[in-house]
N, C-alpha and C. Protein backbone atom coordinates (compact mmCIF):
# COMPACT_ATOMS: atom_id res chain seq x y z
N THR A 1 -23.03 25.21 60.64
CA THR A 1 -24.29 25.93 60.55
C THR A 1 -24.92 25.81 59.17
N LYS A 2 -24.14 26.05 58.14
CA LYS A 2 -24.69 26.04 56.78
C LYS A 2 -24.54 24.69 56.09
N VAL A 3 -23.41 24.04 56.28
CA VAL A 3 -23.15 22.80 55.54
C VAL A 3 -23.82 21.60 56.20
N LEU A 4 -23.60 21.43 57.50
CA LEU A 4 -24.13 20.27 58.21
C LEU A 4 -25.44 20.54 58.93
N GLY A 5 -25.76 21.82 59.14
CA GLY A 5 -26.99 22.16 59.82
C GLY A 5 -27.02 21.77 61.28
N LYS A 6 -25.85 21.64 61.91
CA LYS A 6 -25.81 21.23 63.31
C LYS A 6 -26.11 22.37 64.27
N TRP A 7 -25.82 23.60 63.85
CA TRP A 7 -26.07 24.77 64.70
C TRP A 7 -27.10 25.66 64.03
N PRO A 8 -27.89 26.39 64.81
CA PRO A 8 -28.85 27.33 64.22
C PRO A 8 -28.14 28.54 63.62
N ASN A 9 -28.82 29.27 62.74
CA ASN A 9 -28.22 30.44 62.10
C ASN A 9 -27.79 31.51 63.11
N LEU A 10 -28.37 31.46 64.29
CA LEU A 10 -27.99 32.41 65.33
C LEU A 10 -26.50 32.34 65.64
N ALA A 11 -25.88 31.17 65.43
CA ALA A 11 -24.46 31.00 65.72
C ALA A 11 -23.59 31.95 64.90
N LEU A 12 -24.10 32.36 63.74
CA LEU A 12 -23.33 33.26 62.87
C LEU A 12 -23.21 34.66 63.46
N TRP A 13 -24.01 34.94 64.47
CA TRP A 13 -23.97 36.28 65.10
C TRP A 13 -23.24 36.28 66.43
N LEU A 14 -22.75 35.13 66.83
CA LEU A 14 -22.02 35.07 68.10
C LEU A 14 -20.70 35.83 68.00
N PRO A 15 -20.30 36.53 69.05
CA PRO A 15 -19.05 37.31 69.01
C PRO A 15 -17.83 36.46 68.63
N ARG A 16 -17.79 35.23 69.12
CA ARG A 16 -16.62 34.39 68.80
C ARG A 16 -16.55 34.08 67.31
N PHE A 17 -17.70 33.74 66.72
CA PHE A 17 -17.71 33.46 65.28
C PHE A 17 -17.32 34.69 64.48
N ARG A 18 -17.88 35.85 64.84
CA ARG A 18 -17.61 37.08 64.11
C ARG A 18 -16.12 37.46 64.22
N LYS A 19 -15.53 37.17 65.38
CA LYS A 19 -14.10 37.44 65.56
C LYS A 19 -13.27 36.56 64.62
N PHE A 20 -13.59 35.26 64.59
CA PHE A 20 -12.86 34.34 63.72
C PHE A 20 -13.08 34.69 62.24
N LYS A 21 -14.29 35.08 61.90
CA LYS A 21 -14.57 35.45 60.52
C LYS A 21 -13.75 36.66 60.11
N ARG A 22 -13.64 37.64 61.01
CA ARG A 22 -12.84 38.84 60.72
C ARG A 22 -11.36 38.47 60.54
N GLU A 23 -10.84 37.60 61.41
CA GLU A 23 -9.44 37.20 61.31
C GLU A 23 -9.19 36.40 60.03
N ALA A 24 -10.12 35.52 59.68
CA ALA A 24 -9.98 34.73 58.45
C ALA A 24 -10.02 35.63 57.22
N THR A 25 -10.90 36.62 57.23
CA THR A 25 -11.00 37.56 56.11
C THR A 25 -9.71 38.35 55.94
N GLU A 26 -9.15 38.82 57.05
CA GLU A 26 -7.89 39.58 56.99
C GLU A 26 -6.76 38.71 56.47
N PHE A 27 -6.73 37.46 56.91
CA PHE A 27 -5.71 36.51 56.44
C PHE A 27 -5.84 36.29 54.93
N LEU A 28 -7.06 36.06 54.46
CA LEU A 28 -7.29 35.83 53.04
C LEU A 28 -6.91 37.04 52.21
N GLU A 29 -7.22 38.20 52.69
CA GLU A 29 -6.88 39.43 51.96
C GLU A 29 -5.37 39.58 51.83
N ARG A 30 -4.64 39.23 52.88
CA ARG A 30 -3.17 39.31 52.83
C ARG A 30 -2.61 38.32 51.82
N VAL A 31 -3.12 37.08 51.84
CA VAL A 31 -2.64 36.06 50.92
C VAL A 31 -2.98 36.44 49.48
N GLU A 32 -4.21 36.90 49.26
CA GLU A 32 -4.62 37.29 47.91
C GLU A 32 -3.76 38.43 47.39
N ALA A 33 -3.43 39.40 48.24
CA ALA A 33 -2.58 40.51 47.81
C ALA A 33 -1.20 40.00 47.40
N ARG A 34 -0.66 39.05 48.15
CA ARG A 34 0.65 38.48 47.79
C ARG A 34 0.60 37.74 46.46
N VAL A 35 -0.50 37.02 46.23
CA VAL A 35 -0.64 36.29 44.97
C VAL A 35 -0.73 37.27 43.80
N ARG A 36 -1.55 38.31 43.94
CA ARG A 36 -1.73 39.27 42.86
C ARG A 36 -0.45 40.06 42.58
N GLN A 37 0.41 40.20 43.60
CA GLN A 37 1.69 40.89 43.41
C GLN A 37 2.78 39.96 42.89
N GLY A 38 2.44 38.68 42.70
CA GLY A 38 3.41 37.71 42.20
C GLY A 38 4.38 37.23 43.26
N ARG A 39 4.06 37.45 44.53
CA ARG A 39 4.95 37.07 45.62
C ARG A 39 4.59 35.72 46.23
N ALA A 40 3.52 35.10 45.76
CA ALA A 40 3.10 33.80 46.30
C ALA A 40 2.39 33.02 45.20
N LYS A 41 2.53 31.70 45.27
CA LYS A 41 1.86 30.82 44.31
C LYS A 41 1.11 29.75 45.09
N GLY A 42 0.37 28.95 44.35
CA GLY A 42 -0.33 27.85 45.01
C GLY A 42 -1.79 27.78 44.65
N PHE A 43 -2.56 27.19 45.56
CA PHE A 43 -3.96 26.91 45.29
C PHE A 43 -4.77 28.16 45.01
N LEU A 44 -4.54 29.21 45.81
CA LEU A 44 -5.33 30.43 45.62
C LEU A 44 -5.03 31.06 44.27
N GLN A 45 -3.78 30.97 43.84
CA GLN A 45 -3.43 31.51 42.52
C GLN A 45 -4.22 30.78 41.43
N SER A 46 -4.29 29.45 41.53
CA SER A 46 -5.06 28.67 40.56
C SER A 46 -6.53 29.08 40.58
N GLY A 47 -7.05 29.31 41.80
CA GLY A 47 -8.44 29.72 41.91
C GLY A 47 -8.71 31.07 41.31
N LEU A 48 -7.79 32.01 41.51
CA LEU A 48 -7.96 33.35 40.93
C LEU A 48 -7.90 33.30 39.41
N GLU A 49 -7.04 32.44 38.87
CA GLU A 49 -6.96 32.30 37.42
C GLU A 49 -8.25 31.68 36.87
N ALA A 50 -8.78 30.69 37.60
CA ALA A 50 -10.04 30.07 37.17
C ALA A 50 -11.19 31.07 37.25
N GLN A 51 -11.19 31.90 38.30
CA GLN A 51 -12.23 32.91 38.45
C GLN A 51 -12.18 33.92 37.31
N LYS A 52 -10.98 34.25 36.87
CA LYS A 52 -10.82 35.21 35.78
C LYS A 52 -11.39 34.64 34.48
N LYS A 53 -11.18 33.32 34.26
CA LYS A 53 -11.69 32.67 33.04
C LYS A 53 -13.19 32.44 33.12
N HIS A 54 -13.67 32.07 34.31
CA HIS A 54 -15.08 31.70 34.47
C HIS A 54 -15.67 32.44 35.68
N PRO A 55 -15.86 33.73 35.58
CA PRO A 55 -16.38 34.49 36.73
C PRO A 55 -17.77 34.04 37.16
N GLU A 56 -18.52 33.45 36.24
CA GLU A 56 -19.88 33.00 36.60
C GLU A 56 -19.85 31.77 37.50
N LEU A 57 -18.71 31.07 37.58
CA LEU A 57 -18.60 29.85 38.38
C LEU A 57 -17.95 30.08 39.73
N PHE A 58 -17.20 31.16 39.90
CA PHE A 58 -16.44 31.37 41.13
C PHE A 58 -16.70 32.76 41.70
N THR A 59 -17.55 32.83 42.70
CA THR A 59 -17.69 34.10 43.42
C THR A 59 -16.52 34.20 44.40
N ASP A 60 -16.32 35.38 44.97
CA ASP A 60 -15.27 35.53 45.98
C ASP A 60 -15.53 34.60 47.17
N GLY A 61 -16.79 34.46 47.53
CA GLY A 61 -17.13 33.58 48.65
C GLY A 61 -16.77 32.13 48.35
N ASP A 62 -17.07 31.66 47.12
CA ASP A 62 -16.71 30.29 46.73
C ASP A 62 -15.20 30.10 46.81
N LEU A 63 -14.48 31.05 46.25
CA LEU A 63 -13.03 30.95 46.17
C LEU A 63 -12.40 30.91 47.56
N TRP A 64 -12.84 31.81 48.42
CA TRP A 64 -12.27 31.88 49.76
C TRP A 64 -12.65 30.64 50.59
N ALA A 65 -13.86 30.16 50.42
CA ALA A 65 -14.29 28.98 51.17
C ALA A 65 -13.44 27.76 50.80
N HIS A 66 -13.18 27.59 49.51
CA HIS A 66 -12.35 26.46 49.07
C HIS A 66 -10.92 26.61 49.57
N PHE A 67 -10.41 27.84 49.57
CA PHE A 67 -9.04 28.06 50.03
C PHE A 67 -8.91 27.76 51.52
N LEU A 68 -9.90 28.15 52.30
CA LEU A 68 -9.85 27.94 53.75
C LEU A 68 -10.13 26.50 54.15
N LEU A 69 -10.79 25.74 53.29
CA LEU A 69 -11.21 24.40 53.64
C LEU A 69 -10.04 23.53 54.09
N GLY A 70 -8.91 23.67 53.42
CA GLY A 70 -7.76 22.86 53.77
C GLY A 70 -7.24 23.12 55.17
N TYR A 71 -7.43 24.34 55.67
CA TYR A 71 -6.96 24.67 57.01
C TYR A 71 -7.82 24.03 58.09
N ALA A 72 -9.05 23.70 57.76
CA ALA A 72 -9.95 23.07 58.73
C ALA A 72 -10.16 21.61 58.38
N GLY A 73 -10.77 21.37 57.22
CA GLY A 73 -11.05 20.00 56.81
C GLY A 73 -9.81 19.16 56.64
N GLY A 74 -8.74 19.72 56.06
CA GLY A 74 -7.52 18.96 55.84
C GLY A 74 -6.87 18.53 57.14
N VAL A 75 -6.75 19.45 58.08
CA VAL A 75 -6.13 19.13 59.37
C VAL A 75 -6.97 18.12 60.13
N ASP A 76 -8.27 18.32 60.15
CA ASP A 76 -9.16 17.45 60.89
C ASP A 76 -9.19 16.03 60.31
N THR A 77 -9.32 15.91 59.01
CA THR A 77 -9.42 14.59 58.39
C THR A 77 -8.12 13.81 58.52
N VAL A 78 -6.99 14.49 58.36
CA VAL A 78 -5.70 13.81 58.52
C VAL A 78 -5.52 13.36 59.97
N GLY A 79 -5.89 14.25 60.92
CA GLY A 79 -5.76 13.90 62.32
C GLY A 79 -6.60 12.69 62.71
N VAL A 80 -7.85 12.66 62.24
CA VAL A 80 -8.74 11.53 62.54
C VAL A 80 -8.19 10.25 61.93
N THR A 81 -7.71 10.32 60.68
CA THR A 81 -7.19 9.13 60.00
C THR A 81 -5.96 8.59 60.72
N LEU A 82 -5.05 9.49 61.14
CA LEU A 82 -3.86 9.05 61.87
C LEU A 82 -4.22 8.41 63.20
N ALA A 83 -5.24 8.95 63.87
CA ALA A 83 -5.67 8.39 65.16
C ALA A 83 -6.15 6.95 64.98
N TYR A 84 -6.92 6.70 63.92
CA TYR A 84 -7.39 5.33 63.68
C TYR A 84 -6.25 4.41 63.26
N ALA A 85 -5.28 4.94 62.49
CA ALA A 85 -4.12 4.13 62.11
C ALA A 85 -3.35 3.71 63.36
N LEU A 86 -3.15 4.65 64.29
CA LEU A 86 -2.46 4.33 65.54
C LEU A 86 -3.24 3.30 66.35
N ARG A 87 -4.56 3.44 66.34
CA ARG A 87 -5.42 2.49 67.06
C ARG A 87 -5.16 1.07 66.59
N GLU A 88 -5.08 0.89 65.27
CA GLU A 88 -4.87 -0.44 64.73
C GLU A 88 -3.41 -0.90 64.93
N LEU A 89 -2.46 0.02 64.82
CA LEU A 89 -1.05 -0.36 65.00
C LEU A 89 -0.77 -0.81 66.43
N LEU A 90 -1.49 -0.25 67.39
CA LEU A 90 -1.22 -0.56 68.79
C LEU A 90 -2.07 -1.71 69.33
N ARG A 91 -2.96 -2.23 68.50
CA ARG A 91 -3.75 -3.39 68.92
C ARG A 91 -2.86 -4.63 68.95
N ASP A 92 -3.38 -5.68 69.49
CA ASP A 92 -2.69 -6.97 69.46
C ASP A 92 -1.27 -6.85 70.03
N GLU A 93 -1.16 -6.12 71.15
CA GLU A 93 0.12 -5.94 71.84
C GLU A 93 1.19 -5.32 70.94
N GLY A 94 0.77 -4.55 69.95
CA GLY A 94 1.72 -3.83 69.12
C GLY A 94 2.46 -4.68 68.10
N ARG A 95 1.94 -5.88 67.79
CA ARG A 95 2.62 -6.74 66.82
C ARG A 95 2.68 -6.09 65.43
N LEU A 96 1.57 -5.49 65.05
CA LEU A 96 1.54 -4.84 63.74
C LEU A 96 2.49 -3.65 63.71
N LEU A 97 2.56 -2.89 64.79
CA LEU A 97 3.48 -1.76 64.87
C LEU A 97 4.92 -2.24 64.72
N THR A 98 5.27 -3.33 65.39
CA THR A 98 6.63 -3.88 65.30
C THR A 98 6.95 -4.28 63.86
N ARG A 99 5.98 -4.88 63.21
CA ARG A 99 6.17 -5.32 61.82
C ARG A 99 6.39 -4.15 60.87
N VAL A 100 5.56 -3.11 61.01
CA VAL A 100 5.68 -1.94 60.14
C VAL A 100 6.96 -1.17 60.45
N ARG A 101 7.30 -1.06 61.72
CA ARG A 101 8.53 -0.36 62.10
C ARG A 101 9.77 -1.06 61.53
N LYS A 102 9.77 -2.38 61.55
CA LYS A 102 10.89 -3.14 60.98
C LYS A 102 11.03 -2.86 59.49
N GLU A 103 9.88 -2.83 58.80
CA GLU A 103 9.90 -2.54 57.36
C GLU A 103 10.46 -1.14 57.09
N LEU A 104 10.05 -0.16 57.90
CA LEU A 104 10.52 1.21 57.74
C LEU A 104 12.00 1.34 58.08
N ASP A 105 12.44 0.65 59.15
CA ASP A 105 13.86 0.70 59.52
C ASP A 105 14.73 0.15 58.39
N THR A 106 14.29 -0.94 57.79
CA THR A 106 15.04 -1.53 56.69
C THR A 106 15.12 -0.57 55.51
N ALA A 107 14.01 0.10 55.21
CA ALA A 107 13.98 1.06 54.10
C ALA A 107 14.90 2.25 54.39
N CYS A 108 14.92 2.71 55.63
CA CYS A 108 15.79 3.84 56.00
C CYS A 108 17.27 3.45 55.90
N GLU A 109 17.59 2.24 56.34
CA GLU A 109 18.97 1.77 56.24
C GLU A 109 19.41 1.69 54.79
N ALA A 110 18.52 1.21 53.93
CA ALA A 110 18.84 1.11 52.49
C ALA A 110 18.99 2.48 51.85
N ASN A 111 18.44 3.50 52.52
CA ASN A 111 18.51 4.87 51.99
C ASN A 111 19.57 5.69 52.72
N GLY A 112 20.56 4.99 53.29
CA GLY A 112 21.66 5.69 53.96
C GLY A 112 21.25 6.35 55.27
N GLY A 113 20.23 5.80 55.91
CA GLY A 113 19.79 6.36 57.17
C GLY A 113 18.79 7.49 57.04
N GLU A 114 18.48 7.88 55.81
CA GLU A 114 17.52 8.96 55.56
C GLU A 114 16.12 8.40 55.34
N LEU A 115 15.11 9.25 55.59
CA LEU A 115 13.74 8.84 55.33
C LEU A 115 13.54 8.64 53.83
N PRO A 116 12.95 7.53 53.41
CA PRO A 116 12.71 7.30 51.99
C PRO A 116 11.82 8.37 51.36
N THR A 117 11.87 8.49 50.06
CA THR A 117 11.03 9.44 49.34
C THR A 117 9.57 8.95 49.38
N PRO A 118 8.61 9.82 49.09
CA PRO A 118 7.21 9.37 49.05
C PRO A 118 6.99 8.19 48.12
N ALA A 119 7.67 8.20 46.96
CA ALA A 119 7.52 7.08 46.02
C ALA A 119 8.05 5.78 46.64
N GLU A 120 9.16 5.87 47.36
CA GLU A 120 9.73 4.68 48.00
C GLU A 120 8.84 4.19 49.14
N LEU A 121 8.23 5.12 49.87
CA LEU A 121 7.33 4.73 50.96
C LEU A 121 6.11 4.00 50.41
N LYS A 122 5.62 4.44 49.25
CA LYS A 122 4.46 3.80 48.65
C LYS A 122 4.75 2.36 48.22
N ALA A 123 6.04 2.04 48.06
CA ALA A 123 6.43 0.69 47.64
C ALA A 123 6.54 -0.27 48.83
N LEU A 124 6.34 0.22 50.06
CA LEU A 124 6.43 -0.63 51.25
C LEU A 124 5.07 -1.28 51.50
N PRO A 125 4.93 -2.58 51.29
CA PRO A 125 3.60 -3.22 51.33
C PRO A 125 2.92 -3.16 52.69
N ASP A 126 3.68 -3.33 53.78
CA ASP A 126 3.03 -3.31 55.10
C ASP A 126 2.53 -1.91 55.44
N LEU A 127 3.37 -0.90 55.22
CA LEU A 127 2.97 0.47 55.50
C LEU A 127 1.76 0.87 54.67
N MET A 128 1.80 0.57 53.37
CA MET A 128 0.69 0.95 52.51
C MET A 128 -0.57 0.15 52.84
N GLY A 129 -0.38 -1.09 53.29
CA GLY A 129 -1.54 -1.89 53.71
C GLY A 129 -2.24 -1.25 54.89
N VAL A 130 -1.46 -0.74 55.86
CA VAL A 130 -2.05 -0.05 57.01
C VAL A 130 -2.78 1.20 56.55
N CYS A 131 -2.16 1.97 55.67
CA CYS A 131 -2.79 3.20 55.18
C CYS A 131 -4.09 2.91 54.45
N GLN A 132 -4.06 1.93 53.56
CA GLN A 132 -5.25 1.63 52.76
C GLN A 132 -6.38 1.04 53.59
N GLU A 133 -6.05 0.17 54.54
CA GLU A 133 -7.09 -0.40 55.38
C GLU A 133 -7.69 0.66 56.31
N THR A 134 -6.85 1.58 56.79
CA THR A 134 -7.38 2.66 57.63
C THR A 134 -8.35 3.53 56.84
N LEU A 135 -7.97 3.87 55.62
CA LEU A 135 -8.84 4.70 54.78
C LEU A 135 -10.11 3.95 54.40
N ARG A 136 -10.00 2.64 54.25
CA ARG A 136 -11.19 1.85 53.88
C ARG A 136 -12.17 1.74 55.04
N LEU A 137 -11.68 1.39 56.23
CA LEU A 137 -12.56 1.13 57.35
C LEU A 137 -12.97 2.39 58.12
N TYR A 138 -12.12 3.41 58.09
CA TYR A 138 -12.39 4.62 58.87
C TYR A 138 -12.32 5.87 58.00
N PRO A 139 -13.12 5.94 56.95
CA PRO A 139 -13.04 7.12 56.07
C PRO A 139 -13.53 8.38 56.78
N ALA A 140 -12.72 9.40 56.75
CA ALA A 140 -13.11 10.65 57.40
C ALA A 140 -14.27 11.32 56.67
N ALA A 141 -14.33 11.16 55.37
CA ALA A 141 -15.43 11.70 54.57
C ALA A 141 -16.16 10.51 53.95
N PHE A 142 -17.28 10.12 54.53
CA PHE A 142 -17.96 8.90 54.11
C PHE A 142 -18.95 9.12 52.98
N GLY A 143 -19.27 10.38 52.68
CA GLY A 143 -20.26 10.63 51.64
C GLY A 143 -20.31 12.09 51.25
N MET A 144 -21.18 12.39 50.32
CA MET A 144 -21.34 13.76 49.84
C MET A 144 -22.81 14.13 49.86
N GLY A 145 -23.12 15.28 50.40
CA GLY A 145 -24.49 15.77 50.40
C GLY A 145 -24.72 16.74 49.25
N ARG A 146 -25.79 16.57 48.55
CA ARG A 146 -26.12 17.44 47.42
C ARG A 146 -27.63 17.68 47.39
N HIS A 147 -28.02 18.72 46.65
CA HIS A 147 -29.44 18.99 46.40
C HIS A 147 -29.71 18.73 44.92
N ALA A 148 -30.75 17.98 44.64
CA ALA A 148 -31.10 17.66 43.25
C ALA A 148 -31.51 18.94 42.52
N VAL A 149 -30.93 19.17 41.36
CA VAL A 149 -31.25 20.38 40.59
C VAL A 149 -32.42 20.13 39.64
N ARG A 150 -32.83 18.87 39.51
CA ARG A 150 -34.01 18.55 38.71
C ARG A 150 -34.55 17.20 39.14
N ASP A 151 -35.74 16.86 38.71
CA ASP A 151 -36.33 15.55 39.01
C ASP A 151 -35.54 14.47 38.26
N PHE A 152 -35.35 13.31 38.92
CA PHE A 152 -34.73 12.18 38.23
C PHE A 152 -35.10 10.89 38.94
N GLU A 153 -34.83 9.78 38.29
CA GLU A 153 -35.11 8.46 38.86
C GLU A 153 -33.81 7.74 39.12
N PHE A 154 -33.71 7.09 40.27
CA PHE A 154 -32.52 6.30 40.59
C PHE A 154 -32.95 4.96 41.17
N ARG A 155 -32.69 3.90 40.44
CA ARG A 155 -32.97 2.53 40.87
C ARG A 155 -34.41 2.37 41.37
N GLY A 156 -35.33 2.94 40.62
CA GLY A 156 -36.74 2.80 40.95
C GLY A 156 -37.29 3.85 41.88
N TYR A 157 -36.44 4.73 42.39
CA TYR A 157 -36.89 5.79 43.30
C TYR A 157 -36.98 7.11 42.54
N GLN A 158 -38.04 7.82 42.78
CA GLN A 158 -38.25 9.11 42.15
C GLN A 158 -37.69 10.21 43.06
N ILE A 159 -36.72 10.94 42.58
CA ILE A 159 -36.10 12.02 43.35
C ILE A 159 -36.59 13.35 42.79
N LYS A 160 -37.17 14.17 43.64
CA LYS A 160 -37.72 15.44 43.22
C LYS A 160 -36.67 16.55 43.29
N LYS A 161 -36.83 17.54 42.43
CA LYS A 161 -35.95 18.70 42.44
C LYS A 161 -35.96 19.35 43.84
N GLY A 162 -34.77 19.69 44.33
CA GLY A 162 -34.65 20.32 45.63
C GLY A 162 -34.46 19.35 46.78
N THR A 163 -34.61 18.03 46.51
CA THR A 163 -34.43 17.03 47.57
C THR A 163 -32.96 16.96 47.98
N GLU A 164 -32.74 16.89 49.29
CA GLU A 164 -31.37 16.72 49.77
C GLU A 164 -30.98 15.24 49.64
N VAL A 165 -29.87 14.98 48.97
CA VAL A 165 -29.45 13.61 48.70
C VAL A 165 -28.08 13.37 49.33
N LEU A 166 -27.94 12.25 50.02
CA LEU A 166 -26.65 11.85 50.59
C LEU A 166 -26.13 10.67 49.81
N MET A 167 -24.98 10.84 49.18
CA MET A 167 -24.35 9.77 48.40
C MET A 167 -23.26 9.14 49.23
N LEU A 168 -23.46 7.86 49.59
CA LEU A 168 -22.47 7.15 50.40
C LEU A 168 -21.36 6.63 49.49
N THR A 169 -20.37 7.46 49.27
CA THR A 169 -19.29 7.14 48.34
C THR A 169 -18.40 6.01 48.85
N THR A 170 -18.53 5.66 50.12
CA THR A 170 -17.68 4.61 50.69
C THR A 170 -18.45 3.33 50.96
N GLY A 171 -19.64 3.21 50.37
CA GLY A 171 -20.46 2.02 50.61
C GLY A 171 -19.76 0.73 50.23
N THR A 172 -18.99 0.74 49.16
CA THR A 172 -18.30 -0.49 48.72
C THR A 172 -17.17 -0.89 49.66
N HIS A 173 -16.76 0.01 50.57
CA HIS A 173 -15.65 -0.31 51.48
C HIS A 173 -15.98 -1.50 52.39
N VAL A 174 -17.25 -1.71 52.66
CA VAL A 174 -17.66 -2.82 53.54
C VAL A 174 -18.56 -3.80 52.79
N ASP A 175 -18.39 -3.84 51.48
CA ASP A 175 -19.15 -4.77 50.64
C ASP A 175 -18.33 -6.05 50.49
N PRO A 176 -18.85 -7.21 50.97
CA PRO A 176 -18.09 -8.46 50.88
C PRO A 176 -17.76 -8.87 49.45
N ALA A 177 -18.51 -8.35 48.47
CA ALA A 177 -18.21 -8.68 47.08
C ALA A 177 -16.86 -8.12 46.66
N TYR A 178 -16.41 -7.06 47.34
CA TYR A 178 -15.12 -6.45 47.04
C TYR A 178 -14.08 -6.77 48.11
N PHE A 179 -14.54 -6.83 49.37
CA PHE A 179 -13.63 -7.05 50.49
C PHE A 179 -14.17 -8.18 51.37
N PRO A 180 -13.72 -9.42 51.15
CA PRO A 180 -14.17 -10.52 52.00
C PRO A 180 -13.92 -10.22 53.48
N ASP A 181 -14.87 -10.64 54.32
CA ASP A 181 -14.78 -10.35 55.76
C ASP A 181 -14.46 -8.86 55.95
N PRO A 182 -15.34 -7.98 55.48
CA PRO A 182 -15.01 -6.56 55.35
C PRO A 182 -14.72 -5.81 56.65
N ASN A 183 -15.20 -6.31 57.78
CA ASN A 183 -14.98 -5.61 59.04
C ASN A 183 -13.63 -5.96 59.69
N ARG A 184 -12.88 -6.84 59.05
CA ARG A 184 -11.57 -7.22 59.59
C ARG A 184 -10.48 -6.33 59.01
N PHE A 185 -9.61 -5.80 59.87
CA PHE A 185 -8.48 -4.98 59.45
C PHE A 185 -7.39 -5.92 58.96
N ASP A 186 -7.19 -5.96 57.63
CA ASP A 186 -6.28 -6.93 57.02
C ASP A 186 -5.38 -6.23 56.01
N ILE A 187 -4.12 -6.04 56.37
CA ILE A 187 -3.21 -5.31 55.47
C ILE A 187 -2.73 -6.17 54.31
N GLU A 188 -3.09 -7.45 54.31
CA GLU A 188 -2.66 -8.33 53.22
C GLU A 188 -3.55 -8.22 51.99
N ARG A 189 -4.68 -7.52 52.12
CA ARG A 189 -5.65 -7.47 51.02
C ARG A 189 -5.06 -6.94 49.73
N TYR A 190 -4.09 -6.07 49.82
CA TYR A 190 -3.67 -5.29 48.66
C TYR A 190 -2.47 -5.88 47.94
N ARG A 191 -2.08 -7.07 48.35
CA ARG A 191 -0.96 -7.73 47.66
C ARG A 191 -1.42 -8.41 46.37
N GLU A 192 -2.73 -8.65 46.28
CA GLU A 192 -3.34 -9.20 45.08
C GLU A 192 -4.42 -8.24 44.60
N PRO A 193 -4.72 -8.23 43.30
CA PRO A 193 -5.79 -7.35 42.80
C PRO A 193 -7.10 -7.64 43.53
N LEU A 194 -7.85 -6.58 43.82
CA LEU A 194 -9.13 -6.74 44.51
C LEU A 194 -10.14 -7.44 43.61
N SER A 195 -11.05 -8.16 44.24
CA SER A 195 -12.12 -8.81 43.50
C SER A 195 -13.07 -7.78 42.93
N HIS A 196 -13.55 -8.06 41.74
CA HIS A 196 -14.56 -7.18 41.12
C HIS A 196 -15.77 -8.02 40.71
N SER A 197 -16.15 -8.93 41.60
CA SER A 197 -17.26 -9.83 41.28
C SER A 197 -18.61 -9.14 41.39
N ALA A 198 -18.66 -8.04 42.13
CA ALA A 198 -19.93 -7.34 42.30
C ALA A 198 -20.36 -6.69 40.99
N GLN A 199 -21.64 -6.67 40.75
CA GLN A 199 -22.15 -6.04 39.55
C GLN A 199 -22.12 -4.53 39.72
N PRO A 200 -21.62 -3.80 38.74
CA PRO A 200 -21.60 -2.34 38.86
C PRO A 200 -23.00 -1.75 38.88
N ILE A 201 -23.15 -0.64 39.57
CA ILE A 201 -24.44 0.05 39.61
C ILE A 201 -24.70 0.70 38.27
N LYS A 202 -25.90 0.55 37.76
CA LYS A 202 -26.29 1.21 36.51
C LYS A 202 -27.01 2.50 36.86
N TRP A 203 -26.38 3.60 36.55
CA TRP A 203 -26.94 4.91 36.88
C TRP A 203 -27.91 5.35 35.80
N ARG A 204 -29.04 5.92 36.23
CA ARG A 204 -30.03 6.43 35.28
C ARG A 204 -30.43 7.83 35.72
N PHE A 205 -30.13 8.81 34.89
CA PHE A 205 -30.48 10.18 35.19
C PHE A 205 -31.30 10.76 34.04
């Protein structure tokens, strides 16, 4: 309703939304009480400390919204990314899946039958190639929306204060100057340093 503008403001008055808002508020109050009593640590604790130092930057609404974001955005983005990874692993009669599974089995055997540590998993080229190509081709968050706080010029375009701006942060993901044949899912790309032949954008604000 507020961030993407997909639903009208009337949605904020629907019984279902108000019920979820009440439950989320009660949950946040319980977590905040535990943090203030020293019984819990984590992201909310960091936020409360930042709010104490800079109260002008963190309202309660800002703090709670950021804390809750991981419960919605984090679950959704990870789920979408895993779905696309599975899509690519199961293509081509599962040849890529067989290859990655073999690499993982070998790593587990070398680790006494246990799952390798995150650092050891990052050292597996096939697995990391799948992860990086999935994130490149199927980014769950493709850009950032912002409102201009003042007039400025960008690459010959005049942007007025208050204009809604969408920054495509993943535009280079399909730029042939960085990724040859960019629409092809290729886990071999990351065995060599990526090309940087493209000219960097010169920002003017």
